[in-house]
N, C-alpha and C. Protein backbone atom coordinates (compact mmCIF):
# COMPACT_ATOMS: atom_id res chain seq x y z
N MET A 1 10.43 -36.79 57.84
CA MET A 1 9.66 -36.76 59.08
C MET A 1 8.49 -37.74 58.92
N PRO A 2 8.33 -38.69 59.83
CA PRO A 2 7.24 -39.65 59.73
C PRO A 2 5.87 -38.96 59.78
N SER A 3 4.90 -39.55 59.07
CA SER A 3 3.58 -38.92 58.98
C SER A 3 2.88 -38.82 60.33
N ASP A 4 3.11 -39.80 61.23
CA ASP A 4 2.50 -39.72 62.56
C ASP A 4 2.99 -38.49 63.32
N HIS A 5 4.28 -38.22 63.19
CA HIS A 5 4.86 -37.05 63.85
C HIS A 5 4.30 -35.75 63.25
N ARG A 6 4.17 -35.73 61.94
CA ARG A 6 3.64 -34.53 61.27
C ARG A 6 2.19 -34.29 61.68
N LEU A 7 1.41 -35.36 61.75
CA LEU A 7 0.01 -35.24 62.16
C LEU A 7 -0.09 -34.74 63.60
N ALA A 8 0.82 -35.20 64.45
CA ALA A 8 0.82 -34.77 65.84
C ALA A 8 1.14 -33.29 65.96
N ILE A 9 2.08 -32.81 65.17
CA ILE A 9 2.42 -31.38 65.19
C ILE A 9 1.22 -30.56 64.74
N ARG A 10 0.58 -30.99 63.65
CA ARG A 10 -0.59 -30.28 63.13
C ARG A 10 -1.68 -30.23 64.19
N LYS A 11 -1.96 -31.37 64.80
CA LYS A 11 -3.01 -31.43 65.82
C LYS A 11 -2.66 -30.57 67.03
N GLU A 12 -1.39 -30.55 67.41
CA GLU A 12 -0.94 -29.74 68.54
C GLU A 12 -1.16 -28.25 68.26
N ILE A 13 -0.82 -27.82 67.06
CA ILE A 13 -0.97 -26.41 66.70
C ILE A 13 -2.45 -26.03 66.62
N LEU A 14 -3.24 -26.84 65.93
CA LEU A 14 -4.67 -26.55 65.83
C LEU A 14 -5.32 -26.58 67.21
N GLY A 15 -4.90 -27.50 68.06
CA GLY A 15 -5.44 -27.59 69.42
C GLY A 15 -5.14 -26.35 70.24
N ALA A 16 -3.93 -25.84 70.11
CA ALA A 16 -3.56 -24.63 70.86
C ALA A 16 -4.37 -23.43 70.40
N VAL A 17 -4.55 -23.30 69.08
CA VAL A 17 -5.36 -22.20 68.55
C VAL A 17 -6.81 -22.34 69.02
N ALA A 18 -7.35 -23.55 68.96
CA ALA A 18 -8.72 -23.79 69.39
C ALA A 18 -8.91 -23.44 70.86
N GLN A 19 -7.97 -23.86 71.68
CA GLN A 19 -8.07 -23.59 73.12
C GLN A 19 -7.98 -22.09 73.40
N GLU A 20 -7.08 -21.42 72.74
CA GLU A 20 -6.90 -19.97 72.94
C GLU A 20 -8.16 -19.18 72.61
N HIS A 21 -8.88 -19.65 71.59
CA HIS A 21 -10.06 -18.90 71.12
C HIS A 21 -11.38 -19.58 71.49
N HIS A 22 -11.30 -20.57 72.38
CA HIS A 22 -12.49 -21.27 72.88
C HIS A 22 -13.32 -21.85 71.73
N LEU A 23 -12.65 -22.56 70.83
CA LEU A 23 -13.27 -23.21 69.69
C LEU A 23 -12.91 -24.69 69.70
N THR A 24 -13.54 -25.44 68.82
CA THR A 24 -13.14 -26.83 68.65
C THR A 24 -12.03 -26.90 67.60
N ILE A 25 -11.29 -27.98 67.62
CA ILE A 25 -10.25 -28.18 66.60
C ILE A 25 -10.90 -28.24 65.22
N ALA A 26 -12.06 -28.86 65.14
CA ALA A 26 -12.76 -28.95 63.85
C ALA A 26 -13.13 -27.56 63.33
N ALA A 27 -13.52 -26.65 64.20
CA ALA A 27 -13.86 -25.30 63.77
C ALA A 27 -12.64 -24.55 63.25
N VAL A 28 -11.51 -24.71 63.92
CA VAL A 28 -10.27 -24.06 63.47
C VAL A 28 -9.84 -24.65 62.13
N ASP A 29 -9.90 -25.96 62.02
CA ASP A 29 -9.54 -26.65 60.79
C ASP A 29 -10.43 -26.16 59.63
N SER A 30 -11.72 -26.08 59.86
CA SER A 30 -12.66 -25.64 58.83
C SER A 30 -12.39 -24.19 58.41
N ALA A 31 -12.14 -23.34 59.38
CA ALA A 31 -11.88 -21.93 59.07
C ALA A 31 -10.60 -21.78 58.24
N LEU A 32 -9.57 -22.52 58.61
CA LEU A 32 -8.32 -22.44 57.85
C LEU A 32 -8.49 -22.98 56.44
N ARG A 33 -9.27 -24.05 56.28
CA ARG A 33 -9.53 -24.59 54.94
C ARG A 33 -10.26 -23.56 54.08
N ARG A 34 -11.27 -22.91 54.67
CA ARG A 34 -12.00 -21.89 53.91
C ARG A 34 -11.10 -20.73 53.55
N LEU A 35 -10.22 -20.34 54.46
CA LEU A 35 -9.28 -19.27 54.18
C LEU A 35 -8.36 -19.64 53.01
N LEU A 36 -7.80 -20.84 53.04
CA LEU A 36 -6.92 -21.27 51.96
C LEU A 36 -7.67 -21.36 50.63
N ASP A 37 -8.90 -21.85 50.65
CA ASP A 37 -9.70 -21.92 49.43
C ASP A 37 -9.97 -20.52 48.87
N THR A 38 -10.27 -19.58 49.75
CA THR A 38 -10.52 -18.20 49.32
C THR A 38 -9.27 -17.56 48.74
N LEU A 39 -8.14 -17.78 49.39
CA LEU A 39 -6.88 -17.23 48.88
C LEU A 39 -6.56 -17.80 47.51
N ASP A 40 -6.78 -19.10 47.33
CA ASP A 40 -6.53 -19.71 46.02
C ASP A 40 -7.50 -19.18 44.97
N ALA A 41 -8.75 -18.98 45.36
CA ALA A 41 -9.77 -18.51 44.40
C ALA A 41 -9.51 -17.07 43.96
N THR A 42 -9.04 -16.23 44.88
CA THR A 42 -8.79 -14.83 44.53
C THR A 42 -7.46 -14.66 43.81
N GLY A 43 -6.48 -15.49 44.16
CA GLY A 43 -5.20 -15.48 43.46
C GLY A 43 -4.49 -14.14 43.45
N THR A 44 -4.46 -13.47 44.60
CA THR A 44 -3.77 -12.19 44.67
C THR A 44 -2.26 -12.39 44.47
N GLN A 45 -1.61 -11.34 44.04
CA GLN A 45 -0.17 -11.43 43.81
C GLN A 45 0.58 -11.74 45.10
N ALA A 46 0.12 -11.18 46.21
CA ALA A 46 0.77 -11.45 47.50
C ALA A 46 0.69 -12.94 47.85
N TRP A 47 -0.48 -13.56 47.60
CA TRP A 47 -0.65 -14.99 47.89
C TRP A 47 0.22 -15.82 46.95
N LEU A 48 0.25 -15.47 45.68
CA LEU A 48 1.09 -16.19 44.71
C LEU A 48 2.56 -16.08 45.08
N ASP A 49 2.99 -14.90 45.52
CA ASP A 49 4.38 -14.69 45.95
C ASP A 49 4.69 -15.53 47.19
N PHE A 50 3.75 -15.55 48.14
CA PHE A 50 3.93 -16.34 49.35
C PHE A 50 4.09 -17.81 49.00
N ARG A 51 3.20 -18.31 48.13
CA ARG A 51 3.27 -19.72 47.72
C ARG A 51 4.62 -20.04 47.08
N LYS A 52 5.10 -19.14 46.24
CA LYS A 52 6.38 -19.35 45.58
C LYS A 52 7.53 -19.36 46.59
N GLU A 53 7.51 -18.39 47.49
CA GLU A 53 8.58 -18.28 48.49
C GLU A 53 8.66 -19.52 49.39
N TYR A 54 7.51 -20.12 49.67
CA TYR A 54 7.47 -21.26 50.58
C TYR A 54 7.39 -22.61 49.85
N GLY A 55 7.63 -22.59 48.54
CA GLY A 55 7.67 -23.83 47.77
C GLY A 55 6.33 -24.50 47.58
N LEU A 56 5.27 -23.71 47.55
CA LEU A 56 3.92 -24.27 47.44
C LEU A 56 3.24 -23.92 46.12
N GLU A 57 3.98 -23.39 45.16
CA GLU A 57 3.35 -22.89 43.94
C GLU A 57 2.78 -23.99 43.05
N ARG A 58 3.26 -25.18 43.13
CA ARG A 58 2.78 -26.25 42.24
C ARG A 58 1.97 -27.30 42.97
N LYS A 59 1.56 -27.01 44.19
CA LYS A 59 0.82 -27.98 44.99
C LYS A 59 -0.48 -27.33 45.48
N ARG A 60 -1.46 -28.19 45.76
CA ARG A 60 -2.66 -27.69 46.43
C ARG A 60 -2.23 -27.40 47.87
N VAL A 61 -2.51 -26.21 48.34
CA VAL A 61 -2.10 -25.83 49.69
C VAL A 61 -3.12 -26.37 50.68
N THR A 62 -2.65 -27.25 51.54
CA THR A 62 -3.47 -27.78 52.62
C THR A 62 -2.95 -27.19 53.93
N ILE A 63 -3.70 -27.38 54.98
CA ILE A 63 -3.26 -26.88 56.28
C ILE A 63 -1.93 -27.52 56.67
N GLY A 64 -1.83 -28.82 56.46
CA GLY A 64 -0.59 -29.52 56.79
C GLY A 64 0.59 -29.00 56.00
N ARG A 65 0.42 -28.85 54.68
CA ARG A 65 1.52 -28.34 53.86
C ARG A 65 1.91 -26.93 54.28
N LEU A 66 0.93 -26.12 54.62
CA LEU A 66 1.22 -24.75 55.06
C LEU A 66 2.03 -24.77 56.36
N ILE A 67 1.60 -25.56 57.31
CA ILE A 67 2.30 -25.65 58.60
C ILE A 67 3.73 -26.14 58.40
N TYR A 68 3.91 -27.18 57.60
CA TYR A 68 5.25 -27.75 57.44
C TYR A 68 6.16 -26.86 56.60
N ALA A 69 5.59 -26.12 55.66
CA ALA A 69 6.39 -25.16 54.89
C ALA A 69 6.87 -24.04 55.80
N LEU A 70 5.98 -23.55 56.65
CA LEU A 70 6.38 -22.50 57.60
C LEU A 70 7.41 -23.02 58.59
N GLU A 71 7.21 -24.23 59.07
CA GLU A 71 8.16 -24.83 60.01
C GLU A 71 9.53 -24.98 59.36
N SER A 72 9.56 -25.44 58.13
CA SER A 72 10.82 -25.61 57.41
C SER A 72 11.53 -24.27 57.22
N LYS A 73 10.77 -23.26 56.84
CA LYS A 73 11.34 -21.93 56.61
C LYS A 73 11.92 -21.37 57.92
N LEU A 74 11.19 -21.54 59.01
CA LEU A 74 11.69 -21.05 60.30
C LEU A 74 12.94 -21.80 60.73
N SER A 75 12.99 -23.10 60.48
CA SER A 75 14.17 -23.89 60.83
C SER A 75 15.39 -23.42 60.05
N GLN A 76 15.20 -23.08 58.77
CA GLN A 76 16.30 -22.58 57.94
C GLN A 76 16.80 -21.24 58.46
N GLN A 77 15.89 -20.39 58.89
CA GLN A 77 16.28 -19.07 59.39
C GLN A 77 17.04 -19.17 60.71
N GLU A 78 16.67 -20.15 61.54
CA GLU A 78 17.34 -20.33 62.83
C GLU A 78 18.71 -20.97 62.67
N GLY A 79 18.85 -21.82 61.66
CA GLY A 79 20.08 -22.59 61.50
C GLY A 79 21.03 -21.91 60.62
């Protein structure tokens, strides 16, 4: 998938969340980054299991990687 297309999907999702909750895209992006940082810092078993299940155990989890991992998993379940 070309990076421009991936960036557009990410922006579309963040934009929809921002609009729904009357926030800016930057605020949603910042909140998600803080959430991911906190999850990594606490390292709960549920988070480690989630990362493993979605193929994220050996990578720094970014918002983009999270979105595309979830998208890939959903595509596999539908197909």
